[in-house]
PDB file of N, CA and C in Angstrom:
ATOM      1  N   LEU A   1      -5.809  -0.078  -5.600  1.00  0.00           N
ATOM      2  CA  LEU A   1      -4.538  -0.310  -4.921  1.00  0.00           C
ATOM      3  C   LEU A   1      -4.799  -0.799  -3.529  1.00  0.00           C
ATOM      4  N   TYR A   2      -4.286  -1.748  -3.186  1.00  0.00           N
ATOM      5  CA  TYR A   2      -4.314  -2.412  -1.902  1.00  0.00           C
ATOM      6  C   TYR A   2      -3.176  -2.763  -0.913  1.00  0.00           C
ATOM      7  N   PHE A   3      -3.024  -2.420   0.510  1.00  0.00           N
ATOM      8  CA  PHE A   3      -2.120  -2.894   1.146  1.00  0.00           C
ATOM      9  C   PHE A   3      -2.514  -3.432   2.099  1.00  0.00           C
ATOM     10  N   SER A   4      -2.136  -4.934   2.277  1.00  0.00           N
ATOM     11  CA  SER A   4      -2.776  -5.711   3.298  1.00  0.00           C
ATOM     12  C   SER A   4      -1.882  -5.875   4.552  1.00  0.00           C
ATOM     13  N   ASP A   5      -0.640  -5.675   4.198  1.00  0.00           N
ATOM     14  CA  ASP A   5       0.334  -5.822   5.230  1.00  0.00           C
ATOM     15  C   ASP A   5       1.104  -4.722   5.524  1.00  0.00           C
ATOM     16  N   ILE A   6       0.708  -3.819   6.616  1.00  0.00           N
ATOM     17  CA  ILE A   6       1.376  -2.676   6.660  1.00  0.00           C
ATOM     18  C   ILE A   6       1.879  -2.715   8.083  1.00  0.00           C
ATOM     19  N   PHE A   7       3.236  -2.418   8.514  1.00  0.00           N
ATOM     20  CA  PHE A   7       3.700  -2.528   9.534  1.00  0.00           C
ATOM     21  C   PHE A   7       3.871  -1.228  10.824  1.00  0.00           C
ATOM     22  N   MET A   8       3.465  -1.100  11.753  1.00  0.00           N
ATOM     23  CA  MET A   8       3.948   0.063  12.876  1.00  0.00           C
ATOM     24  C   MET A   8       4.259  -0.226  13.895  1.00  0.00           C
ATOM     25  N   ASP A   9       4.656   0.985  14.701  1.00  0.00           N
ATOM     26  CA  ASP A   9       4.894   0.746  16.026  1.00  0.00           C
ATOM     27  C   ASP A   9       4.100  -0.229  16.923  1.00  0.00           C
ATOM     28  N   PRO A  10       4.687  -1.166  17.523  1.00  0.00           N
ATOM     29  CA  PRO A  10       3.801  -1.939  18.561  1.00  0.00           C
ATOM     30  C   PRO A  10       2.734  -1.251  19.355  1.00  0.00           C
ATOM     31  N   GLU A  11       3.431  -0.060  19.856  1.00  0.00           N
ATOM     32  CA  GLU A  11       2.436   0.736  20.914  1.00  0.00           C
ATOM     33  C   GLU A  11       1.431   1.450  20.134  1.00  0.00           C
ATOM     34  N   ALA A  12       1.488   1.879  18.795  1.00  0.00           N
ATOM     35  CA  ALA A  12       0.519   2.869  18.295  1.00  0.00           C
ATOM     36  C   ALA A  12      -0.863   1.695  18.042  1.00  0.00           C
ATOM     37  N   THR A  13      -1.853   2.569  17.951  1.00  0.00           N
ATOM     38  CA  THR A  13      -3.170   2.226  18.058  1.00  0.00           C
ATOM     39  C   THR A  13      -3.908   2.448  16.611  1.00  0.00           C
ATOM     40  N   THR A  14      -3.128   3.298  15.941  1.00  0.00           N
ATOM     41  CA  THR A  14      -3.459   3.603  14.492  1.00  0.00           C
ATOM     42  C   THR A  14      -2.367   4.087  13.514  1.00  0.00           C
ATOM     43  N   LEU A  15      -2.716   3.702  12.309  1.00  0.00           N
ATOM     44  CA  LEU A  15      -1.727   4.411  11.267  1.00  0.00           C
ATOM     45  C   LEU A  15      -0.942   5.558  11.507  1.00  0.00           C
ATOM     46  N   ALA A  16       0.356   5.624  11.643  1.00  0.00           N
ATOM     47  CA  ALA A  16       0.834   6.686  12.300  1.00  0.00           C
ATOM     48  C   ALA A  16       1.543   7.401  10.909  1.00  0.00           C
ATOM     49  N   ASP A  17       1.496   8.843  11.029  1.00  0.00           N
ATOM     50  CA  ASP A  17       1.710   9.583   9.760  1.00  0.00           C
ATOM     51  C   ASP A  17       3.335   9.150   9.697  1.00  0.00           C
ATOM     52  N   GLY A  18       3.733   9.241   8.396  1.00  0.00           N
ATOM     53  CA  GLY A  18       5.260   9.189   8.290  1.00  0.00           C
ATOM     54  C   GLY A  18       5.446   8.617   6.602  1.00  0.00           C
ATOM     55  N   THR A  19       6.685   8.144   6.457  1.00  0.00           N
ATOM     56  CA  THR A  19       6.860   7.434   4.853  1.00  0.00           C
ATOM     57  C   THR A  19       6.980   6.145   5.496  1.00  0.00           C
ATOM     58  N   TYR A  20       6.314   4.911   4.581  1.00  0.00           N
ATOM     59  CA  TYR A  20       6.172   3.837   5.028  1.00  0.00           C
ATOM     60  C   TYR A  20       6.925   3.341   3.751  1.00  0.00           C
ATOM     61  N   THR A  21       8.054   2.239   3.963  1.00  0.00           N
ATOM     62  CA  THR A  21       8.938   1.654   2.837  1.00  0.00           C
ATOM     63  C   THR A  21       8.583   0.097   2.550  1.00  0.00           C
ATOM     64  N   LEU A  22       8.646  -0.147   1.282  1.00  0.00           N
ATOM     65  CA  LEU A  22       8.654  -1.609   1.035  1.00  0.00           C
ATOM     66  C   LEU A  22       9.717  -2.367   1.476  1.00  0.00           C
ATOM     67  N   ASP A  23       9.663  -3.437   2.376  1.00  0.00           N
ATOM     68  CA  ASP A  23      10.472  -4.303   2.834  1.00  0.00           C
ATOM     69  C   ASP A  23      10.084  -5.669   3.314  1.00  0.00           C
ATOM     70  N   SER A  24      10.600  -6.759   3.011  1.00  0.00           N
ATOM     71  CA  SER A  24      10.182  -8.268   3.192  1.00  0.00           C
ATOM     72  C   SER A  24      10.332  -8.398   4.475  1.00  0.00           C
ATOM     73  N   VAL A  25      11.057  -7.508   5.562  1.00  0.00           N
ATOM     74  CA  VAL A  25      11.125  -7.722   6.932  1.00  0.00           C
ATOM     75  C   VAL A  25       9.908  -6.894   7.646  1.00  0.00           C
ATOM     76  N   ALA A  26       9.340  -7.567   8.505  1.00  0.00           N
ATOM     77  CA  ALA A  26       7.926  -6.633   8.978  1.00  0.00           C
ATOM     78  C   ALA A  26       8.322  -6.215  10.151  1.00  0.00           C
ATOM     79  N   SER A  27       9.122  -4.431  10.165  1.00  0.00           N
ATOM     80  CA  SER A  27       9.368  -3.607  11.330  1.00  0.00           C
ATOM     81  C   SER A  27       8.345  -2.355  10.859  1.00  0.00           C
ATOM     82  N   PRO A  28       8.899  -1.552  11.966  1.00  0.00           N
ATOM     83  CA  PRO A  28       8.071  -0.350  12.057  1.00  0.00           C
ATOM     84  C   PRO A  28       7.976   0.605  10.850  1.00  0.00           C
ATOM     85  N   PHE A  29       6.834   0.924  10.058  1.00  0.00           N
ATOM     86  CA  PHE A  29       6.947   1.643   9.152  1.00  0.00           C
ATOM     87  C   PHE A  29       7.610   0.966   7.675  1.00  0.00           C
ATOM     88  N   THR A  30       6.849  -0.103   7.481  1.00  0.00           N
ATOM     89  CA  THR A  30       7.335  -0.831   6.398  1.00  0.00           C
ATOM     90  C   THR A  30       5.902  -1.409   5.967  1.00  0.00           C
ATOM     91  N   PHE A  31       5.996  -2.101   4.685  1.00  0.00           N
ATOM     92  CA  PHE A  31       5.055  -2.908   4.301  1.00  0.00           C
ATOM     93  C   PHE A  31       5.349  -4.127   3.273  1.00  0.00           C
ATOM     94  N   LEU A  32       4.429  -5.198   3.311  1.00  0.00           N
ATOM     95  CA  LEU A  32       5.292  -6.228   2.580  1.00  0.00           C
ATOM     96  C   LEU A  32       5.048  -6.151   0.871  1.00  0.00           C
ATOM     97  N   PRO A  33       5.969  -6.731  -0.040  1.00  0.00           N
ATOM     98  CA  PRO A  33       5.558  -6.562  -1.384  1.00  0.00           C
ATOM     99  C   PRO A  33       4.446  -7.665  -1.794  1.00  0.00           C
ATOM    100  N   GLY A  34       3.969  -7.163  -2.929  1.00  0.00           N
ATOM    101  CA  GLY A  34       3.007  -7.991  -3.409  1.00  0.00           C
ATOM    102  C   GLY A  34       3.189  -9.573  -3.734  1.00  0.00           C
ATOM    103  N   MET A  35       2.577 -10.421  -3.353  1.00  0.00           N
ATOM    104  CA  MET A  35       2.921 -11.766  -3.904  1.00  0.00           C
ATOM    105  C   MET A  35       1.627 -12.700  -3.823  1.00  0.00           C
ATOM    106  N   ASN A  36       1.679 -13.652  -4.580  1.00  0.00           N
ATOM    107  CA  ASN A  36       0.763 -14.838  -4.384  1.00  0.00           C
ATOM    108  C   ASN A  36       1.105 -16.296  -4.019  1.00  0.00           C
ATOM    109  N   ILE A  37       0.554 -16.332  -2.495  1.00  0.00           N
ATOM    110  CA  ILE A  37       1.093 -17.669  -1.688  1.00  0.00           C
ATOM    111  C   ILE A  37      -0.214 -18.538  -1.813  1.00  0.00           C
ATOM    112  N   ASP A  38       0.111 -19.883  -2.520  1.00  0.00           N
ATOM    113  CA  ASP A  38      -0.660 -20.750  -2.804  1.00  0.00           C
ATOM    114  C   ASP A  38      -2.158 -20.231  -3.100  1.00  0.00           C
ATOM    115  N   GLY A  39      -2.326 -19.126  -4.228  1.00  0.00           N
ATOM    116  CA  GLY A  39      -3.322 -18.483  -4.639  1.00  0.00           C
ATOM    117  C   GLY A  39      -4.117 -17.676  -3.675  1.00  0.00           C
ATOM    118  N   GLY A  40      -3.415 -17.448  -2.673  1.00  0.00           N
ATOM    119  CA  GLY A  40      -3.977 -15.865  -1.899  1.00  0.00           C
ATOM    120  C   GLY A  40      -3.256 -14.859  -2.095  1.00  0.00           C
ATOM    121  N   ILE A  41      -3.786 -13.749  -2.364  1.00  0.00           N
ATOM    122  CA  ILE A  41      -3.081 -12.581  -2.631  1.00  0.00           C
ATOM    123  C   ILE A  41      -2.674 -11.774  -1.632  1.00  0.00           C
ATOM    124  N   THR A  42      -1.410 -11.210  -1.221  1.00  0.00           N
ATOM    125  CA  THR A  42      -1.174 -10.404   0.047  1.00  0.00           C
ATOM    126  C   THR A  42      -0.066  -9.246  -0.436  1.00  0.00           C
ATOM    127  N   GLY A  43       0.226  -8.912   0.782  1.00  0.00           N
ATOM    128  CA  GLY A  43       1.106  -7.747   0.547  1.00  0.00           C
ATOM    129  C   GLY A  43       0.548  -6.577   0.075  1.00  0.00           C
ATOM    130  N   ALA A  44       1.224  -5.750  -1.022  1.00  0.00           N
ATOM    131  CA  ALA A  44       0.659  -4.451  -1.650  1.00  0.00           C
ATOM    132  C   ALA A  44       0.736  -4.936  -3.293  1.00  0.00           C
ATOM    133  N   TYR A  45      -0.754  -4.419  -3.739  1.00  0.00           N
ATOM    134  CA  TYR A  45      -1.126  -4.807  -5.372  1.00  0.00           C
ATOM    135  C   TYR A  45      -1.980  -3.694  -5.663  1.00  0.00           C
ATOM    136  N   VAL A  46      -1.956  -3.957  -7.093  1.00  0.00           N
ATOM    137  CA  VAL A  46      -2.861  -3.006  -8.016  1.00  0.00           C
ATOM    138  C   VAL A  46      -3.794  -3.815  -8.503  1.00  0.00           C
ATOM    139  N   LEU A  47      -5.148  -3.379  -8.393  1.00  0.00           N
ATOM    140  CA  LEU A  47      -6.136  -4.498  -9.162  1.00  0.00           C
ATOM    141  C   LEU A  47      -6.421  -3.621 -10.707  1.00  0.00           C
ATOM    142  N   LEU A  48      -6.484  -4.030 -11.906  1.00  0.00           N
ATOM    143  CA  LEU A  48      -6.896  -3.588 -13.024  1.00  0.00           C
ATOM    144  C   LEU A  48      -8.268  -3.987 -13.203  1.00  0.00           C
ATOM    145  N   LEU A  49      -9.379  -3.421 -13.182  1.00  0.00           N
ATOM    146  CA  LEU A  49     -10.448  -3.614 -13.318  1.00  0.00           C
ATOM    147  C   LEU A  49     -11.177  -2.913 -14.462  1.00  0.00           C
ATOM    148  N   GLN A  50     -12.087  -3.550 -15.487  1.00  0.00           N
ATOM    149  CA  GLN A  50     -12.404  -2.891 -16.793  1.00  0.00           C
ATOM    150  C   GLN A  50     -13.988  -3.500 -16.543  1.00  0.00           C
ATOM    151  N   GLU A  51     -14.827  -2.382 -16.584  1.00  0.00           N
ATOM    152  CA  GLU A  51     -16.336  -3.115 -16.453  1.00  0.00           C
ATOM    153  C   GLU A  51     -16.506  -3.708 -14.896  1.00  0.00           C
ATOM    154  N   ALA A  52     -16.201  -3.460 -14.248  1.00  0.00           N
ATOM    155  CA  ALA A  52     -16.328  -4.043 -13.029  1.00  0.00           C
ATOM    156  C   ALA A  52     -15.841  -5.673 -12.721  1.00  0.00           C
ATOM    157  N   GLU A  53     -15.088  -6.108 -14.149  1.00  0.00           N
ATOM    158  CA  GLU A  53     -14.197  -7.342 -14.161  1.00  0.00           C
ATOM    159  C   GLU A  53     -12.777  -7.113 -13.679  1.00  0.00           C
ATOM    160  N   LEU A  54     -12.261  -7.851 -13.214  1.00  0.00           N
ATOM    161  CA  LEU A  54     -11.042  -8.014 -12.843  1.00  0.00           C
ATOM    162  C   LEU A  54      -9.968  -8.617 -14.303  1.00  0.00           C
ATOM    163  N   LYS A  55      -9.111  -7.751 -14.423  1.00  0.00           N
ATOM    164  CA  LYS A  55      -8.628  -8.030 -15.745  1.00  0.00           C
ATOM    165  C   LYS A  55      -6.853  -8.600 -15.290  1.00  0.00           C
ATOM    166  N   LYS A  56      -6.748  -7.845 -14.575  1.00  0.00           N
ATOM    167  CA  LYS A  56      -4.869  -8.049 -14.072  1.00  0.00           C
ATOM    168  C   LYS A  56      -4.540  -7.705 -12.772  1.00  0.00           C
ATOM    169  N   ILE A  57      -3.919  -8.517 -12.207  1.00  0.00           N
ATOM    170  CA  ILE A  57      -3.212  -7.984 -10.720  1.00  0.00           C
ATOM    171  C   ILE A  57      -1.864  -7.844 -10.997  1.00  0.00           C
ATOM    172  N   TYR A  58      -1.390  -6.773 -10.195  1.00  0.00           N
ATOM    173  CA  TYR A  58       0.017  -6.121 -10.331  1.00  0.00           C
ATOM    174  C   TYR A  58       0.503  -6.219  -8.946  1.00  0.00           C
ATOM    175  N   TYR A  59       1.632  -6.746  -9.055  1.00  0.00           N
ATOM    176  CA  TYR A  59       1.898  -6.983  -7.535  1.00  0.00           C
ATOM    177  C   TYR A  59       3.181  -5.878  -7.458  1.00  0.00           C
ATOM    178  N   VAL A  60       3.086  -4.989  -6.256  1.00  0.00           N
ATOM    179  CA  VAL A  60       4.405  -3.786  -5.843  1.00  0.00           C
ATOM    180  C   VAL A  60       5.637  -4.572  -5.372  1.00  0.00           C
ATOM    181  N   THR A  61       6.569  -4.022  -6.113  1.00  0.00           N
ATOM    182  CA  THR A  61       7.921  -4.951  -5.890  1.00  0.00           C
ATOM    183  C   THR A  61       8.688  -3.883  -5.154  1.00  0.00           C
ATOM    184  N   SER A  62       8.411  -2.693  -5.458  1.00  0.00           N
ATOM    185  CA  SER A  62       9.377  -1.675  -4.431  1.00  0.00           C
ATOM    186  C   SER A  62       8.750  -0.497  -4.279  1.00  0.00           C
ATOM    187  N   GLY A  63       9.276   0.618  -3.239  1.00  0.00           N
ATOM    188  CA  GLY A  63       8.534   1.775  -3.408  1.00  0.00           C
ATOM    189  C   GLY A  63       8.321   2.120  -2.023  1.00  0.00           C
ATOM    190  N   SER A  64       7.557   3.433  -1.905  1.00  0.00           N
ATOM    191  CA  SER A  64       7.252   4.059  -0.441  1.00  0.00           C
ATOM    192  C   SER A  64       5.913   4.348  -0.882  1.00  0.00           C
ATOM    193  N   PHE A  65       4.937   5.067   0.571  1.00  0.00           N
ATOM    194  CA  PHE A  65       4.004   5.986   0.777  1.00  0.00           C
ATOM    195  C   PHE A  65       4.206   6.643   1.893  1.00  0.00           C
ATOM    196  N   THR A  66       3.645   7.778   1.879  1.00  0.00           N
ATOM    197  CA  THR A  66       3.562   8.935   2.741  1.00  0.00           C
ATOM    198  C   THR A  66       2.214   9.475   3.275  1.00  0.00           C
ATOM    199  N   LEU A  67       2.202   9.476   4.613  1.00  0.00           N
ATOM    200  CA  LEU A  67       0.556   9.627   5.126  1.00  0.00           C
ATOM    201  C   LEU A  67       0.872  10.972   6.124  1.00  0.00           C
ATOM    202  N   ALA A  68      -0.056  11.943   6.309  1.00  0.00           N
ATOM    203  CA  ALA A  68       0.315  13.165   6.971  1.00  0.00           C
ATOM    204  C   ALA A  68      -1.564  13.132   6.885  1.00  0.00           C
ATOM    205  N   THR A  69      -1.698  13.088   8.458  1.00  0.00           N
ATOM    206  CA  THR A  69      -3.259  13.537   8.763  1.00  0.00           C
ATOM    207  C   THR A  69      -3.524  15.193   9.390  1.00  0.00           C
ATOM    208  N   ARG A  70      -4.468  15.708   8.672  1.00  0.00           N
ATOM    209  CA  ARG A  70      -4.934  16.893   9.148  1.00  0.00           C
ATOM    210  C   ARG A  70      -6.223  16.823   9.851  1.00  0.00           C
ATOM    211  N   GLY A  71      -6.493  16.603  10.964  1.00  0.00           N
ATOM    212  CA  GLY A  71      -7.819  16.434  11.375  1.00  0.00           C
ATOM    213  C   GLY A  71      -8.655  15.135  11.192  1.00  0.00           C
ATOM    214  N   ASP A  72      -9.747  14.994  10.278  1.00  0.00           N
ATOM    215  CA  ASP A  72     -10.400  13.814   9.818  1.00  0.00           C
ATOM    216  C   ASP A  72      -9.659  13.549   8.158  1.00  0.00           C
ATOM    217  N   THR A  73      -8.823  14.386   7.790  1.00  0.00           N
ATOM    218  CA  THR A  73      -8.482  14.651   6.664  1.00  0.00           C
ATOM    219  C   THR A  73      -6.789  13.661   6.426  1.00  0.00           C
ATOM    220  N   THR A  74      -6.776  12.858   5.672  1.00  0.00           N
ATOM    221  CA  THR A  74      -5.388  12.161   5.316  1.00  0.00           C
ATOM    222  C   THR A  74      -4.897  12.435   3.748  1.00  0.00           C
ATOM    223  N   ASP A  75      -3.743  12.941   3.946  1.00  0.00           N
ATOM    224  CA  ASP A  75      -3.071  12.794   2.827  1.00  0.00           C
ATOM    225  C   ASP A  75      -1.878  11.935   2.459  1.00  0.00           C
ATOM    226  N   PHE A  76      -2.460  11.427   1.203  1.00  0.00           N
ATOM    227  CA  PHE A  76      -1.649   9.704   0.917  1.00  0.00           C
ATOM    228  C   PHE A  76      -0.724  10.658  -0.353  1.00  0.00           C
ATOM    229  N   SER A  77       0.405  10.027  -0.466  1.00  0.00           N
ATOM    230  CA  SER A  77       1.077  10.205  -1.900  1.00  0.00           C
ATOM    231  C   SER A  77       2.079   8.881  -2.031  1.00  0.00           C
ATOM    232  N   CYS A  78       2.049   8.136  -3.039  1.00  0.00           N
ATOM    233  CA  CYS A  78       2.929   6.816  -3.100  1.00  0.00           C
ATOM    234  C   CYS A  78       4.028   6.822  -4.531  1.00  0.00           C
ATOM    235  N   HIS A  79       5.032   6.710  -4.677  1.00  0.00           N
ATOM    236  CA  HIS A  79       5.876   6.232  -5.636  1.00  0.00           C
ATOM    237  C   HIS A  79       6.050   4.642  -5.228  1.00  0.00           C
ATOM    238  N   LEU A  80       5.447   3.881  -6.362  1.00  0.00           N
ATOM    239  CA  LEU A  80       5.643   2.235  -6.420  1.00  0.00           C
ATOM    240  C   LEU A  80       6.051   1.637  -7.545  1.00  0.00           C
ATOM    241  N   MET A  81       6.689   0.728  -7.716  1.00  0.00           N
ATOM    242  CA  MET A  81       7.231   0.063  -8.884  1.00  0.00           C
ATOM    243  C   MET A  81       6.539  -1.802  -8.847  1.00  0.00           C
ATOM    244  N   LEU A  82       5.836  -1.680 -10.051  1.00  0.00           N
ATOM    245  CA  LEU A  82       4.947  -2.887 -10.197  1.00  0.00           C
ATOM    246  C   LEU A  82       6.130  -4.130 -10.804  1.00  0.00           C
ATOM    247  N   ASP A  83       5.224  -5.182 -10.694  1.00  0.00           N
ATOM    248  CA  ASP A  83       6.048  -6.297 -11.321  1.00  0.00           C
ATOM    249  C   ASP A  83       6.160  -6.379 -12.876  1.00  0.00           C
ATOM    250  N   SER A  84       5.397  -5.483 -13.538  1.00  0.00           N
ATOM    251  CA  SER A  84       5.328  -5.481 -14.960  1.00  0.00           C
ATOM    252  C   SER A  84       6.424  -4.159 -15.254  1.00  0.00           C
ATOM    253  N   LYS A  85       7.163  -3.807 -14.371  1.00  0.00           N
ATOM    254  CA  LYS A  85       8.332  -2.813 -14.754  1.00  0.00           C
ATOM    255  C   LYS A  85       7.757  -1.308 -14.661  1.00  0.00           C
ATOM    256  N   GLN A  86       6.551  -1.170 -14.528  1.00  0.00           N
ATOM    257  CA  GLN A  86       5.825   0.382 -14.494  1.00  0.00           C
ATOM    258  C   GLN A  86       5.852   1.086 -13.289  1.00  0.00           C
ATOM    259  N   SER A  87       6.314   1.952 -13.356  1.00  0.00           N
ATOM    260  CA  SER A  87       5.854   2.901 -12.032  1.00  0.00           C
ATOM    261  C   SER A  87       4.320   3.252 -11.901  1.00  0.00           C
ATOM    262  N   TYR A  88       3.787   3.295 -10.611  1.00  0.00           N
ATOM    263  CA  TYR A  88       2.636   3.600 -10.050  1.00  0.00           C
ATOM    264  C   TYR A  88       2.830   4.845  -9.232  1.00  0.00           C
ATOM    265  N   ASP A  89       2.236   5.817  -9.523  1.00  0.00           N
ATOM    266  CA  ASP A  89       2.286   6.981  -8.609  1.00  0.00           C
ATOM    267  C   ASP A  89       0.577   7.594  -8.543  1.00  0.00           C
ATOM    268  N   ALA A  90       0.598   7.756  -6.939  1.00  0.00           N
ATOM    269  CA  ALA A  90      -0.730   8.324  -6.883  1.00  0.00           C
ATOM    270  C   ALA A  90      -0.926   9.159  -5.579  1.00  0.00           C
ATOM    271  N   THR A  91      -1.714   9.835  -5.576  1.00  0.00           N
ATOM    272  CA  THR A  91      -2.181  11.008  -4.380  1.00  0.00           C
ATOM    273  C   THR A  91      -3.776  10.932  -4.081  1.00  0.00           C
ATOM    274  N   TYR A  92      -4.073  11.135  -2.810  1.00  0.00           N
ATOM    275  CA  TYR A  92      -5.408  11.093  -2.431  1.00  0.00           C
ATOM    276  C   TYR A  92      -5.131  12.032  -1.251  1.00  0.00           C
ATOM    277  N   SER A  93      -6.613  12.871  -1.211  1.00  0.00           N
ATOM    278  CA  SER A  93      -6.372  13.666   0.404  1.00  0.00           C
ATOM    279  C   SER A  93      -8.101  13.532   0.398  1.00  0.00           C
ATOM    280  N   GLY A  94      -8.216  13.018   1.793  1.00  0.00           N
ATOM    281  CA  GLY A  94      -9.764  12.797   2.097  1.00  0.00           C
ATOM    282  C   GLY A  94      -9.852  11.989   3.336  1.00  0.00           C
ATOM    283  N   VAL A  95     -10.624  11.321   3.626  1.00  0.00           N
ATOM    284  CA  VAL A  95     -11.023  10.311   4.799  1.00  0.00           C
ATOM    285  C   VAL A  95     -10.576   9.114   4.512  1.00  0.00           C
ATOM    286  N   LEU A  96      -9.524   8.496   5.036  1.00  0.00           N
ATOM    287  CA  LEU A  96      -9.038   7.235   4.855  1.00  0.00           C
ATOM    288  C   LEU A  96      -9.646   6.034   5.365  1.00  0.00           C
ATOM    289  N   ILE A  97     -10.063   4.857   4.891  1.00  0.00           N
ATOM    290  CA  ILE A  97     -10.795   3.757   5.110  1.00  0.00           C
ATOM    291  C   ILE A  97      -9.631   3.123   5.480  1.00  0.00           C
ATOM    292  N   ARG A  98      -9.703   2.298   6.890  1.00  0.00           N
ATOM    293  CA  ARG A  98      -8.989   1.734   7.680  1.00  0.00           C
ATOM    294  C   ARG A  98      -9.558   0.491   8.072  1.00  0.00           C
ATOM    295  N   GLU A  99      -9.327  -0.497   7.147  1.00  0.00           N
ATOM    296  CA  GLU A  99     -10.067  -1.725   7.659  1.00  0.00           C
ATOM    297  C   GLU A  99      -8.972  -2.677   7.905  1.00  0.00           C
TER     298      GLU A  99
END
């Protein structure tokens, strides 16, 4: 699961706790839908890998995710819809890599 375009408050220095919702307009607490622009993947998307080989790219078309930080631990949960009409639900608790 990748998010390449997440938008936050312009004065924030890190990704703030809260709920982020998919939107085509870049405003605080939103993220862009997955899309292919001239062969480049951007927005939110899921990569299906089998034996380290890319099999399929699913673009996120709607949904939201929530972040809650406790010290060095971040709790993440999401409910997303993919372009395949499948729902994608996930949770994670641990150190969040923010690149």
